[in-house]
Amino acid sequence: MSVRIVRTRNGEDIICDLYEVTTKEEPEKAIAFQMTEPYSVWIKYDEQQIEVEDENGDIINKTSSPEVRFEPWAPLSKERKLLVKLDEVITAYETHPEVVEKYNDLVEASNGRDTD
């Protein structure tokens, strides 16, 4: 698996299994991205904030326990493999292992492979 978070041009963050799509004629040139099991991902911040003073004496509000949230991306799609044009993607990056683990658990559960 190649789990990545994709930042789109409109500012969405989508976690998915990401692959480049090429043609037989030009296998080294990507023409699109294929996103498998895409979910919108964002951080929901806890209402509790802690005030911390930095080395300059400035007060910084720090969230005590942010929560990573997932929601199906393109929930009305029949397929769970979707193509996205290259110019719609700003960046794709690896994320923290804990986020990948939570995503993998979600995908397994949604596909009926949860053993719990």
PDB file of N, CA and C in Angstrom:
ATOM      1  N   MET A   1       0.835  -1.189   0.000  1.00  0.00           N
ATOM      2  CA  MET A   1       0.000   0.000   0.000  1.00  0.00           C
ATOM      3  C   MET A   1       0.874   1.245   0.000  1.00  0.00           C
ATOM      4  N   SER A   2       0.327   2.280  -0.597  1.00  0.00           N
ATOM      5  CA  SER A   2       1.005   3.567  -0.655  1.00  0.00           C
ATOM      6  C   SER A   2       0.063   4.634  -0.105  1.00  0.00           C
ATOM      7  N   VAL A   3      -0.170   4.581   1.202  1.00  0.00           N
ATOM      8  CA  VAL A   3      -1.106   5.501   1.839  1.00  0.00           C
ATOM      9  C   VAL A   3      -0.470   6.879   1.915  1.00  0.00           C
ATOM     10  N   ARG A   4      -1.193   7.840   1.367  1.00  0.00           N
ATOM     11  CA  ARG A   4      -0.738   9.224   1.337  1.00  0.00           C
ATOM     12  C   ARG A   4      -1.912  10.140   1.665  1.00  0.00           C
ATOM     13  N   ILE A   5      -1.572  11.340   2.109  1.00  0.00           N
ATOM     14  CA  ILE A   5      -2.572  12.397   2.197  1.00  0.00           C
ATOM     15  C   ILE A   5      -2.351  13.295   0.994  1.00  0.00           C
ATOM     16  N   VAL A   6      -3.422  13.537   0.270  1.00  0.00           N
ATOM     17  CA  VAL A   6      -3.394  14.362  -0.929  1.00  0.00           C
ATOM     18  C   VAL A   6      -4.038  15.696  -0.591  1.00  0.00           C
ATOM     19  N   ARG A   7      -3.334  16.786  -0.839  1.00  0.00           N
ATOM     20  CA  ARG A   7      -3.910  18.121  -0.681  1.00  0.00           C
ATOM     21  C   ARG A   7      -4.336  18.573  -2.061  1.00  0.00           C
ATOM     22  N   THR A   8      -5.625  18.843  -2.222  1.00  0.00           N
ATOM     23  CA  THR A   8      -6.153  19.250  -3.522  1.00  0.00           C
ATOM     24  C   THR A   8      -6.082  20.764  -3.676  1.00  0.00           C
ATOM     25  N   ARG A   9      -6.301  21.178  -4.885  1.00  0.00           N
ATOM     26  CA  ARG A   9      -6.247  22.611  -5.202  1.00  0.00           C
ATOM     27  C   ARG A   9      -7.286  23.409  -4.416  1.00  0.00           C
ATOM     28  N   ASN A  10      -8.422  22.780  -4.090  1.00  0.00           N
ATOM     29  CA  ASN A  10      -9.442  23.512  -3.334  1.00  0.00           C
ATOM     30  C   ASN A  10      -9.255  23.401  -1.821  1.00  0.00           C
ATOM     31  N   GLY A  11      -8.104  22.816  -1.373  1.00  0.00           N
ATOM     32  CA  GLY A  11      -7.776  22.809   0.042  1.00  0.00           C
ATOM     33  C   GLY A  11      -8.195  21.577   0.809  1.00  0.00           C
ATOM     34  N   GLU A  12      -8.794  20.603   0.150  1.00  0.00           N
ATOM     35  CA  GLU A  12      -9.190  19.377   0.841  1.00  0.00           C
ATOM     36  C   GLU A  12      -7.962  18.505   1.105  1.00  0.00           C
ATOM     37  N   ASP A  13      -7.988  17.813   2.224  1.00  0.00           N
ATOM     38  CA  ASP A  13      -6.998  16.781   2.503  1.00  0.00           C
ATOM     39  C   ASP A  13      -7.716  15.444   2.400  1.00  0.00           C
ATOM     40  N   ILE A  14      -7.163  14.562   1.560  1.00  0.00           N
ATOM     41  CA  ILE A  14      -7.781  13.256   1.306  1.00  0.00           C
ATOM     42  C   ILE A  14      -6.734  12.189   1.577  1.00  0.00           C
ATOM     43  N   ILE A  15      -7.069  11.257   2.471  1.00  0.00           N
ATOM     44  CA  ILE A  15      -6.176  10.134   2.720  1.00  0.00           C
ATOM     45  C   ILE A  15      -6.660   8.967   1.874  1.00  0.00           C
ATOM     46  N   CYS A  16      -5.702   8.290   1.228  1.00  0.00           N
ATOM     47  CA  CYS A  16      -6.066   7.216   0.304  1.00  0.00           C
ATOM     48  C   CYS A  16      -4.842   6.369  -0.005  1.00  0.00           C
ATOM     49  N   ASP A  17      -5.078   5.272  -0.698  1.00  0.00           N
ATOM     50  CA  ASP A  17      -4.003   4.488  -1.280  1.00  0.00           C
ATOM     51  C   ASP A  17      -3.791   5.104  -2.661  1.00  0.00           C
ATOM     52  N   LEU A  18      -2.633   5.705  -2.899  1.00  0.00           N
ATOM     53  CA  LEU A  18      -2.415   6.557  -4.069  1.00  0.00           C
ATOM     54  C   LEU A  18      -1.438   5.932  -5.050  1.00  0.00           C
ATOM     55  N   TYR A  19      -1.818   5.963  -6.336  1.00  0.00           N
ATOM     56  CA  TYR A  19      -0.961   5.456  -7.408  1.00  0.00           C
ATOM     57  C   TYR A  19      -1.001   6.411  -8.590  1.00  0.00           C
ATOM     58  N   GLU A  20       0.110   6.476  -9.311  1.00  0.00           N
ATOM     59  CA  GLU A  20       0.143   7.226 -10.561  1.00  0.00           C
ATOM     60  C   GLU A  20      -0.437   6.366 -11.671  1.00  0.00           C
ATOM     61  N   VAL A  21      -1.163   7.008 -12.579  1.00  0.00           N
ATOM     62  CA  VAL A  21      -1.722   6.328 -13.743  1.00  0.00           C
ATOM     63  C   VAL A  21      -0.919   6.762 -14.960  1.00  0.00           C
ATOM     64  N   THR A  22      -0.495   5.772 -15.747  1.00  0.00           N
ATOM     65  CA  THR A  22       0.282   6.050 -16.961  1.00  0.00           C
ATOM     66  C   THR A  22      -0.378   5.355 -18.147  1.00  0.00           C
ATOM     67  N   THR A  23       0.169   5.565 -19.319  1.00  0.00           N
ATOM     68  CA  THR A  23      -0.314   4.877 -20.523  1.00  0.00           C
ATOM     69  C   THR A  23       0.724   3.852 -20.964  1.00  0.00           C
ATOM     70  N   LYS A  24       0.305   2.917 -21.787  1.00  0.00           N
ATOM     71  CA  LYS A  24       1.241   1.928 -22.331  1.00  0.00           C
ATOM     72  C   LYS A  24       2.276   2.587 -23.225  1.00  0.00           C
ATOM     73  N   GLU A  25       1.848   3.625 -23.937  1.00  0.00           N
ATOM     74  CA  GLU A  25       2.757   4.319 -24.855  1.00  0.00           C
ATOM     75  C   GLU A  25       3.851   5.087 -24.125  1.00  0.00           C
ATOM     76  N   GLU A  26       3.504   5.674 -22.982  1.00  0.00           N
ATOM     77  CA  GLU A  26       4.472   6.457 -22.201  1.00  0.00           C
ATOM     78  C   GLU A  26       4.394   6.047 -20.722  1.00  0.00           C
ATOM     79  N   PRO A  27       4.939   4.885 -20.390  1.00  0.00           N
ATOM     80  CA  PRO A  27       4.797   4.385 -19.008  1.00  0.00           C
ATOM     81  C   PRO A  27       5.522   5.213 -17.956  1.00  0.00           C
ATOM     82  N   GLU A  28       6.451   6.055 -18.370  1.00  0.00           N
ATOM     83  CA  GLU A  28       7.165   6.881 -17.392  1.00  0.00           C
ATOM     84  C   GLU A  28       6.477   8.222 -17.141  1.00  0.00           C
ATOM     85  N   LYS A  29       5.444   8.542 -17.894  1.00  0.00           N
ATOM     86  CA  LYS A  29       4.759   9.830 -17.765  1.00  0.00           C
ATOM     87  C   LYS A  29       3.374   9.634 -17.125  1.00  0.00           C
ATOM     88  N   ALA A  30       3.204  10.201 -15.934  1.00  0.00           N
ATOM     89  CA  ALA A  30       1.916  10.107 -15.243  1.00  0.00           C
ATOM     90  C   ALA A  30       0.891  11.001 -15.932  1.00  0.00           C
ATOM     91  N   ILE A  31      -0.347  10.497 -16.048  1.00  0.00           N
ATOM     92  CA  ILE A  31      -1.427  11.290 -16.638  1.00  0.00           C
ATOM     93  C   ILE A  31      -2.519  11.608 -15.619  1.00  0.00           C
ATOM     94  N   ALA A  32      -2.522  10.872 -14.504  1.00  0.00           N
ATOM     95  CA  ALA A  32      -3.528  11.082 -13.461  1.00  0.00           C
ATOM     96  C   ALA A  32      -3.079  10.353 -12.203  1.00  0.00           C
ATOM     97  N   PHE A  33      -3.860  10.537 -11.135  1.00  0.00           N
ATOM     98  CA  PHE A  33      -3.667   9.767  -9.915  1.00  0.00           C
ATOM     99  C   PHE A  33      -4.902   8.905  -9.695  1.00  0.00           C
ATOM    100  N   GLN A  34      -4.677   7.692  -9.228  1.00  0.00           N
ATOM    101  CA  GLN A  34      -5.782   6.837  -8.814  1.00  0.00           C
ATOM    102  C   GLN A  34      -5.803   6.826  -7.296  1.00  0.00           C
ATOM    103  N   MET A  35      -6.945   7.202  -6.728  1.00  0.00           N
ATOM    104  CA  MET A  35      -7.124   7.183  -5.283  1.00  0.00           C
ATOM    105  C   MET A  35      -8.044   6.026  -4.933  1.00  0.00           C
ATOM    106  N   THR A  36      -7.534   5.082  -4.149  1.00  0.00           N
ATOM    107  CA  THR A  36      -8.326   3.945  -3.708  1.00  0.00           C
ATOM    108  C   THR A  36      -8.725   4.171  -2.260  1.00  0.00           C
ATOM    109  N   GLU A  37      -9.986   3.929  -1.955  1.00  0.00           N
ATOM    110  CA  GLU A  37     -10.540   4.120  -0.605  1.00  0.00           C
ATOM    111  C   GLU A  37     -10.257   5.520  -0.067  1.00  0.00           C
ATOM    112  N   PRO A  38     -10.690   6.560  -0.805  1.00  0.00           N
ATOM    113  CA  PRO A  38     -10.407   7.927  -0.352  1.00  0.00           C
ATOM    114  C   PRO A  38     -11.342   8.395   0.766  1.00  0.00           C
ATOM    115  N   TYR A  39     -10.759   9.058   1.739  1.00  0.00           N
ATOM    116  CA  TYR A  39     -11.507   9.661   2.839  1.00  0.00           C
ATOM    117  C   TYR A  39     -11.007  11.080   3.053  1.00  0.00           C
ATOM    118  N   SER A  40     -11.925  12.007   3.247  1.00  0.00           N
ATOM    119  CA  SER A  40     -11.536  13.340   3.694  1.00  0.00           C
ATOM    120  C   SER A  40     -10.997  13.186   5.107  1.00  0.00           C
ATOM    121  N   VAL A  41      -9.937  13.902   5.401  1.00  0.00           N
ATOM    122  CA  VAL A  41      -9.333  13.799   6.730  1.00  0.00           C
ATOM    123  C   VAL A  41      -9.075  15.211   7.241  1.00  0.00           C
ATOM    124  N   TRP A  42      -9.333  15.412   8.523  1.00  0.00           N
ATOM    125  CA  TRP A  42      -9.081  16.703   9.143  1.00  0.00           C
ATOM    126  C   TRP A  42      -8.889  16.497  10.639  1.00  0.00           C
ATOM    127  N   ILE A  43      -8.424  17.536  11.277  1.00  0.00           N
ATOM    128  CA  ILE A  43      -8.212  17.486  12.719  1.00  0.00           C
ATOM    129  C   ILE A  43      -9.324  18.264  13.401  1.00  0.00           C
ATOM    130  N   LYS A  44      -9.963  17.605  14.353  1.00  0.00           N
ATOM    131  CA  LYS A  44     -10.970  18.267  15.189  1.00  0.00           C
ATOM    132  C   LYS A  44     -10.287  18.585  16.508  1.00  0.00           C
ATOM    133  N   TYR A  45     -10.237  19.862  16.818  1.00  0.00           N
ATOM    134  CA  TYR A  45      -9.543  20.289  18.025  1.00  0.00           C
ATOM    135  C   TYR A  45     -10.473  20.252  19.218  1.00  0.00           C
ATOM    136  N   ASP A  46      -9.934  19.787  20.321  1.00  0.00           N
ATOM    137  CA  ASP A  46     -10.640  19.744  21.586  1.00  0.00           C
ATOM    138  C   ASP A  46     -10.921  21.173  22.031  1.00  0.00           C
ATOM    139  N   GLU A  47     -12.025  21.357  22.712  1.00  0.00           N
ATOM    140  CA  GLU A  47     -12.382  22.692  23.193  1.00  0.00           C
ATOM    141  C   GLU A  47     -11.430  23.172  24.283  1.00  0.00           C
ATOM    142  N   GLN A  48     -10.798  22.227  24.992  1.00  0.00           N
ATOM    143  CA  GLN A  48      -9.879  22.614  26.061  1.00  0.00           C
ATOM    144  C   GLN A  48      -8.559  23.064  25.460  1.00  0.00           C
ATOM    145  N   GLN A  49      -8.136  24.225  25.874  1.00  0.00           N
ATOM    146  CA  GLN A  49      -6.844  24.729  25.436  1.00  0.00           C
ATOM    147  C   GLN A  49      -6.015  25.095  26.657  1.00  0.00           C
ATOM    148  N   ILE A  50      -4.730  24.901  26.518  1.00  0.00           N
ATOM    149  CA  ILE A  50      -3.788  25.215  27.589  1.00  0.00           C
ATOM    150  C   ILE A  50      -2.988  26.434  27.157  1.00  0.00           C
ATOM    151  N   GLU A  51      -2.834  27.391  28.043  1.00  0.00           N
ATOM    152  CA  GLU A  51      -2.002  28.546  27.737  1.00  0.00           C
ATOM    153  C   GLU A  51      -0.577  28.244  28.152  1.00  0.00           C
ATOM    154  N   VAL A  52       0.344  28.420  27.203  1.00  0.00           N
ATOM    155  CA  VAL A  52       1.762  28.141  27.446  1.00  0.00           C
ATOM    156  C   VAL A  52       2.541  29.401  27.114  1.00  0.00           C
ATOM    157  N   GLU A  53       3.541  29.700  27.934  1.00  0.00           N
ATOM    158  CA  GLU A  53       4.386  30.860  27.684  1.00  0.00           C
ATOM    159  C   GLU A  53       5.647  30.394  26.978  1.00  0.00           C
ATOM    160  N   ASP A  54       5.982  31.038  25.834  1.00  0.00           N
ATOM    161  CA  ASP A  54       7.205  30.666  25.114  1.00  0.00           C
ATOM    162  C   ASP A  54       8.405  31.393  25.697  1.00  0.00           C
ATOM    163  N   GLU A  55       9.572  31.175  25.098  1.00  0.00           N
ATOM    164  CA  GLU A  55      10.808  31.749  25.633  1.00  0.00           C
ATOM    165  C   GLU A  55      10.830  33.273  25.574  1.00  0.00           C
ATOM    166  N   ASN A  56       9.980  33.890  24.739  1.00  0.00           N
ATOM    167  CA  ASN A  56       9.910  35.356  24.641  1.00  0.00           C
ATOM    168  C   ASN A  56       8.883  35.952  25.585  1.00  0.00           C
ATOM    169  N   GLY A  57       8.188  35.085  26.328  1.00  0.00           N
ATOM    170  CA  GLY A  57       7.169  35.565  27.244  1.00  0.00           C
ATOM    171  C   GLY A  57       5.800  35.707  26.605  1.00  0.00           C
ATOM    172  N   ASP A  58       5.681  35.334  25.322  1.00  0.00           N
ATOM    173  CA  ASP A  58       4.389  35.396  24.636  1.00  0.00           C
ATOM    174  C   ASP A  58       3.527  34.206  25.050  1.00  0.00           C
ATOM    175  N   ILE A  59       2.231  34.436  25.137  1.00  0.00           N
ATOM    176  CA  ILE A  59       1.292  33.384  25.496  1.00  0.00           C
ATOM    177  C   ILE A  59       0.835  32.673  24.220  1.00  0.00           C
ATOM    178  N   ILE A  60       0.899  31.341  24.236  1.00  0.00           N
ATOM    179  CA  ILE A  60       0.471  30.516  23.105  1.00  0.00           C
ATOM    180  C   ILE A  60      -0.641  29.604  23.603  1.00  0.00           C
ATOM    181  N   ASN A  61      -1.743  29.539  22.852  1.00  0.00           N
ATOM    182  CA  ASN A  61      -2.814  28.604  23.178  1.00  0.00           C
ATOM    183  C   ASN A  61      -2.498  27.270  22.533  1.00  0.00           C
ATOM    184  N   LYS A  62      -2.468  26.230  23.347  1.00  0.00           N
ATOM    185  CA  LYS A  62      -2.122  24.900  22.872  1.00  0.00           C
ATOM    186  C   LYS A  62      -3.312  23.978  23.109  1.00  0.00           C
ATOM    187  N   THR A  63      -3.703  23.244  22.063  1.00  0.00           N
ATOM    188  CA  THR A  63      -4.799  22.291  22.183  1.00  0.00           C
ATOM    189  C   THR A  63      -4.278  21.034  22.859  1.00  0.00           C
ATOM    190  N   SER A  64      -5.035  20.536  23.820  1.00  0.00           N
ATOM    191  CA  SER A  64      -4.544  19.415  24.610  1.00  0.00           C
ATOM    192  C   SER A  64      -4.622  18.076  23.882  1.00  0.00           C
ATOM    193  N   SER A  65      -5.674  17.818  23.123  1.00  0.00           N
ATOM    194  CA  SER A  65      -5.786  16.505  22.476  1.00  0.00           C
ATOM    195  C   SER A  65      -6.598  16.601  21.182  1.00  0.00           C
ATOM    196  N   PRO A  66      -5.939  16.954  20.090  1.00  0.00           N
ATOM    197  CA  PRO A  66      -6.665  16.995  18.818  1.00  0.00           C
ATOM    198  C   PRO A  66      -7.052  15.589  18.366  1.00  0.00           C
ATOM    199  N   GLU A  67      -8.137  15.482  17.628  1.00  0.00           N
ATOM    200  CA  GLU A  67      -8.649  14.194  17.161  1.00  0.00           C
ATOM    201  C   GLU A  67      -8.659  14.177  15.633  1.00  0.00           C
ATOM    202  N   VAL A  68      -8.139  13.112  15.039  1.00  0.00           N
ATOM    203  CA  VAL A  68      -8.153  12.960  13.585  1.00  0.00           C
ATOM    204  C   VAL A  68      -9.503  12.374  13.192  1.00  0.00           C
ATOM    205  N   ARG A  69     -10.174  13.033  12.239  1.00  0.00           N
ATOM    206  CA  ARG A  69     -11.509  12.610  11.792  1.00  0.00           C
ATOM    207  C   ARG A  69     -11.462  12.221  10.325  1.00  0.00           C
ATOM    208  N   PHE A  70     -12.284  11.239   9.951  1.00  0.00           N
ATOM    209  CA  PHE A  70     -12.384  10.755   8.581  1.00  0.00           C
ATOM    210  C   PHE A  70     -13.838  10.777   8.144  1.00  0.00           C
ATOM    211  N   GLU A  71     -14.034  11.064   6.870  1.00  0.00           N
ATOM    212  CA  GLU A  71     -15.368  11.023   6.268  1.00  0.00           C
ATOM    213  C   GLU A  71     -15.191  10.559   4.823  1.00  0.00           C
ATOM    214  N   PRO A  72     -16.056   9.655   4.328  1.00  0.00           N
ATOM    215  CA  PRO A  72     -15.880   9.194   2.949  1.00  0.00           C
ATOM    216  C   PRO A  72     -15.818  10.365   1.973  1.00  0.00           C
ATOM    217  N   TRP A  73     -14.855  10.312   1.060  1.00  0.00           N
ATOM    218  CA  TRP A  73     -14.737  11.311   0.010  1.00  0.00           C
ATOM    219  C   TRP A  73     -15.484  10.776  -1.195  1.00  0.00           C
ATOM    220  N   ALA A  74     -16.293  11.591  -1.837  1.00  0.00           N
ATOM    221  CA  ALA A  74     -17.166  11.169  -2.939  1.00  0.00           C
ATOM    222  C   ALA A  74     -18.053  10.008  -2.479  1.00  0.00           C
ATOM    223  N   PRO A  75     -18.848  10.223  -1.432  1.00  0.00           N
ATOM    224  CA  PRO A  75     -19.622   9.136  -0.830  1.00  0.00           C
ATOM    225  C   PRO A  75     -20.688   8.535  -1.748  1.00  0.00           C
ATOM    226  N   LEU A  76     -21.086   9.233  -2.796  1.00  0.00           N
ATOM    227  CA  LEU A  76     -22.106   8.698  -3.701  1.00  0.00           C
ATOM    228  C   LEU A  76     -21.516   7.903  -4.855  1.00  0.00           C
ATOM    229  N   SER A  77     -20.195   7.799  -4.892  1.00  0.00           N
ATOM    230  CA  SER A  77     -19.541   7.043  -5.954  1.00  0.00           C
ATOM    231  C   SER A  77     -19.766   5.547  -5.761  1.00  0.00           C
ATOM    232  N   LYS A  78     -20.052   4.871  -6.853  1.00  0.00           N
ATOM    233  CA  LYS A  78     -20.213   3.412  -6.819  1.00  0.00           C
ATOM    234  C   LYS A  78     -18.869   2.736  -6.589  1.00  0.00           C
ATOM    235  N   GLU A  79     -17.834   3.286  -7.176  1.00  0.00           N
ATOM    236  CA  GLU A  79     -16.492   2.716  -7.088  1.00  0.00           C
ATOM    237  C   GLU A  79     -15.711   3.351  -5.938  1.00  0.00           C
ATOM    238  N   ARG A  80     -14.768   2.605  -5.391  1.00  0.00           N
ATOM    239  CA  ARG A  80     -13.889   3.138  -4.353  1.00  0.00           C
ATOM    240  C   ARG A  80     -12.502   3.418  -4.913  1.00  0.00           C
ATOM    241  N   LYS A  81     -12.376   3.344  -6.243  1.00  0.00           N
ATOM    242  CA  LYS A  81     -11.151   3.743  -6.941  1.00  0.00           C
ATOM    243  C   LYS A  81     -11.537   4.892  -7.854  1.00  0.00           C
ATOM    244  N   LEU A  82     -10.960   6.061  -7.603  1.00  0.00           N
ATOM    245  CA  LEU A  82     -11.323   7.251  -8.360  1.00  0.00           C
ATOM    246  C   LEU A  82     -10.078   7.877  -8.965  1.00  0.00           C
ATOM    247  N   LEU A  83     -10.244   8.433 -10.163  1.00  0.00           N
ATOM    248  CA  LEU A  83      -9.144   9.115 -10.828  1.00  0.00           C
ATOM    249  C   LEU A  83      -9.244  10.613 -10.586  1.00  0.00           C
ATOM    250  N   VAL A  84      -8.084  11.237 -10.391  1.00  0.00           N
ATOM    251  CA  VAL A  84      -7.999  12.674 -10.189  1.00  0.00           C
ATOM    252  C   VAL A  84      -6.961  13.212 -11.161  1.00  0.00           C
ATOM    253  N   LYS A  85      -7.293  14.316 -11.828  1.00  0.00           N
ATOM    254  CA  LYS A  85      -6.338  14.937 -12.747  1.00  0.00           C
ATOM    255  C   LYS A  85      -5.120  15.433 -11.981  1.00  0.00           C
ATOM    256  N   LEU A  86      -3.967  15.353 -12.616  1.00  0.00           N
ATOM    257  CA  LEU A  86      -2.716  15.779 -11.978  1.00  0.00           C
ATOM    258  C   LEU A  86      -2.768  17.221 -11.493  1.00  0.00           C
ATOM    259  N   ASP A  87      -3.377  18.098 -12.284  1.00  0.00           N
ATOM    260  CA  ASP A  87      -3.370  19.516 -11.912  1.00  0.00           C
ATOM    261  C   ASP A  87      -4.323  19.851 -10.761  1.00  0.00           C
ATOM    262  N   GLU A  88      -5.082  18.878 -10.283  1.00  0.00           N
ATOM    263  CA  GLU A  88      -5.947  19.092  -9.119  1.00  0.00           C
ATOM    264  C   GLU A  88      -5.214  18.834  -7.805  1.00  0.00           C
ATOM    265  N   VAL A  89      -4.021  18.240  -7.895  1.00  0.00           N
ATOM    266  CA  VAL A  89      -3.261  17.876  -6.698  1.00  0.00           C
ATOM    267  C   VAL A  89      -2.123  18.866  -6.484  1.00  0.00           C
ATOM    268  N   ILE A  90      -2.076  19.441  -5.291  1.00  0.00           N
ATOM    269  CA  ILE A  90      -0.989  20.346  -4.932  1.00  0.00           C
ATOM    270  C   ILE A  90       0.191  19.542  -4.410  1.00  0.00           C
ATOM    271  N   THR A  91      -0.095  18.605  -3.485  1.00  0.00           N
ATOM    272  CA  THR A  91       0.969  17.779  -2.919  1.00  0.00           C
ATOM    273  C   THR A  91       0.382  16.470  -2.418  1.00  0.00           C
ATOM    274  N   ALA A  92       1.234  15.485  -2.270  1.00  0.00           N
ATOM    275  CA  ALA A  92       0.880  14.204  -1.661  1.00  0.00           C
ATOM    276  C   ALA A  92       2.017  13.842  -0.730  1.00  0.00           C
ATOM    277  N   TYR A  93       1.683  13.469   0.484  1.00  0.00           N
ATOM    278  CA  TYR A  93       2.736  13.228   1.462  1.00  0.00           C
ATOM    279  C   TYR A  93       2.389  12.073   2.385  1.00  0.00           C
ATOM    280  N   GLU A  94       3.442  11.471   2.954  1.00  0.00           N
ATOM    281  CA  GLU A  94       3.266  10.444   3.971  1.00  0.00           C
ATOM    282  C   GLU A  94       2.853  11.129   5.259  1.00  0.00           C
ATOM    283  N   THR A  95       2.120  10.413   6.068  1.00  0.00           N
ATOM    284  CA  THR A  95       1.677  10.971   7.338  1.00  0.00           C
ATOM    285  C   THR A  95       2.174  10.117   8.492  1.00  0.00           C
ATOM    286  N   HIS A  96       1.829  10.494   9.679  1.00  0.00           N
ATOM    287  CA  HIS A  96       2.259   9.780  10.879  1.00  0.00           C
ATOM    288  C   HIS A  96       1.718   8.348  10.877  1.00  0.00           C
ATOM    289  N   PRO A  97       2.492   7.386  11.382  1.00  0.00           N
ATOM    290  CA  PRO A  97       2.054   5.988  11.413  1.00  0.00           C
ATOM    291  C   PRO A  97       0.728   5.772  12.136  1.00  0.00           C
ATOM    292  N   GLU A  98       0.458   6.558  13.166  1.00  0.00           N
ATOM    293  CA  GLU A  98      -0.797   6.413  13.906  1.00  0.00           C
ATOM    294  C   GLU A  98      -1.998   6.750  13.027  1.00  0.00           C
ATOM    295  N   VAL A  99      -1.848   7.746  12.163  1.00  0.00           N
ATOM    296  CA  VAL A  99      -2.932   8.138  11.260  1.00  0.00           C
ATOM    297  C   VAL A  99      -3.142   7.045  10.211  1.00  0.00           C
ATOM    298  N   VAL A 100      -2.048   6.499   9.688  1.00  0.00           N
ATOM    299  CA  VAL A 100      -2.144   5.410   8.698  1.00  0.00           C
ATOM    300  C   VAL A 100      -2.817   4.189   9.324  1.00  0.00           C
ATOM    301  N   GLU A 101      -2.462   3.877  10.546  1.00  0.00           N
ATOM    302  CA  GLU A 101      -3.060   2.726  11.231  1.00  0.00           C
ATOM    303  C   GLU A 101      -4.563   2.931  11.418  1.00  0.00           C
ATOM    304  N   LYS A 102      -4.953   4.121  11.835  1.00  0.00           N
ATOM    305  CA  LYS A 102      -6.378   4.424  12.013  1.00  0.00           C
ATOM    306  C   LYS A 102      -7.117   4.333  10.669  1.00  0.00           C
ATOM    307  N   TYR A 103      -6.500   4.853   9.605  1.00  0.00           N
ATOM    308  CA  TYR A 103      -7.084   4.769   8.260  1.00  0.00           C
ATOM    309  C   TYR A 103      -7.232   3.305   7.833  1.00  0.00           C
ATOM    310  N   ASN A 104      -6.187   2.501   8.010  1.00  0.00           N
ATOM    311  CA  ASN A 104      -6.245   1.093   7.617  1.00  0.00           C
ATOM    312  C   ASN A 104      -7.333   0.346   8.380  1.00  0.00           C
ATOM    313  N   ASP A 105      -7.474   0.623   9.671  1.00  0.00           N
ATOM    314  CA  ASP A 105      -8.545   0.006  10.463  1.00  0.00           C
ATOM    315  C   ASP A 105      -9.908   0.389   9.912  1.00  0.00           C
ATOM    316  N   LEU A 106     -10.075   1.648   9.547  1.00  0.00           N
ATOM    317  CA  LEU A 106     -11.333   2.126   8.985  1.00  0.00           C
ATOM    318  C   LEU A 106     -11.648   1.437   7.667  1.00  0.00           C
ATOM    319  N   VAL A 107     -10.658   1.330   6.783  1.00  0.00           N
ATOM    320  CA  VAL A 107     -10.867   0.685   5.480  1.00  0.00           C
ATOM    321  C   VAL A 107     -11.226  -0.786   5.664  1.00  0.00           C
ATOM    322  N   GLU A 108     -10.521  -1.479   6.546  1.00  0.00           N
ATOM    323  CA  GLU A 108     -10.821  -2.888   6.799  1.00  0.00           C
ATOM    324  C   GLU A 108     -12.235  -3.060   7.344  1.00  0.00           C
ATOM    325  N   ALA A 109     -12.626  -2.212   8.278  1.00  0.00           N
ATOM    326  CA  ALA A 109     -13.966  -2.296   8.851  1.00  0.00           C
ATOM    327  C   ALA A 109     -15.037  -1.995   7.809  1.00  0.00           C
ATOM    328  N   SER A 110     -14.797  -0.999   6.948  1.00  0.00           N
ATOM    329  CA  SER A 110     -15.793  -0.640   5.940  1.00  0.00           C
ATOM    330  C   SER A 110     -15.913  -1.701   4.857  1.00  0.00           C
ATOM    331  N   ASN A 111     -14.876  -2.515   4.680  1.00  0.00           N
ATOM    332  CA  ASN A 111     -14.922  -3.600   3.699  1.00  0.00           C
ATOM    333  C   ASN A 111     -15.348  -4.922   4.326  1.00  0.00           C
ATOM    334  N   GLY A 112     -15.740  -4.886   5.585  1.00  0.00           N
ATOM    335  CA  GLY A 112     -16.242  -6.084   6.239  1.00  0.00           C
ATOM    336  C   GLY A 112     -15.171  -7.068   6.647  1.00  0.00           C
ATOM    337  N   ARG A 113     -13.921  -6.601   6.772  1.00  0.00           N
ATOM    338  CA  ARG A 113     -12.838  -7.503   7.143  1.00  0.00           C
ATOM    339  C   ARG A 113     -12.407  -7.316   8.579  1.00  0.00           C
ATOM    340  N   ASP A 114     -13.197  -6.583   9.355  1.00  0.00           N
ATOM    341  CA  ASP A 114     -12.847  -6.355  10.751  1.00  0.00           C
ATOM    342  C   ASP A 114     -13.070  -7.636  11.526  1.00  0.00           C
ATOM    343  N   THR A 115     -12.078  -8.067  12.271  1.00  0.00           N
ATOM    344  CA  THR A 115     -12.164  -9.331  12.988  1.00  0.00           C
ATOM    345  C   THR A 115     -12.608  -9.156  14.435  1.00  0.00           C
ATOM    346  N   ASP A 116     -12.812  -7.924  14.889  1.00  0.00           N
ATOM    347  CA  ASP A 116     -13.212  -7.686  16.277  1.00  0.00           C
ATOM    348  C   ASP A 116     -14.675  -8.005  16.481  1.00  0.00           C
TER     349      ASP A 116
END
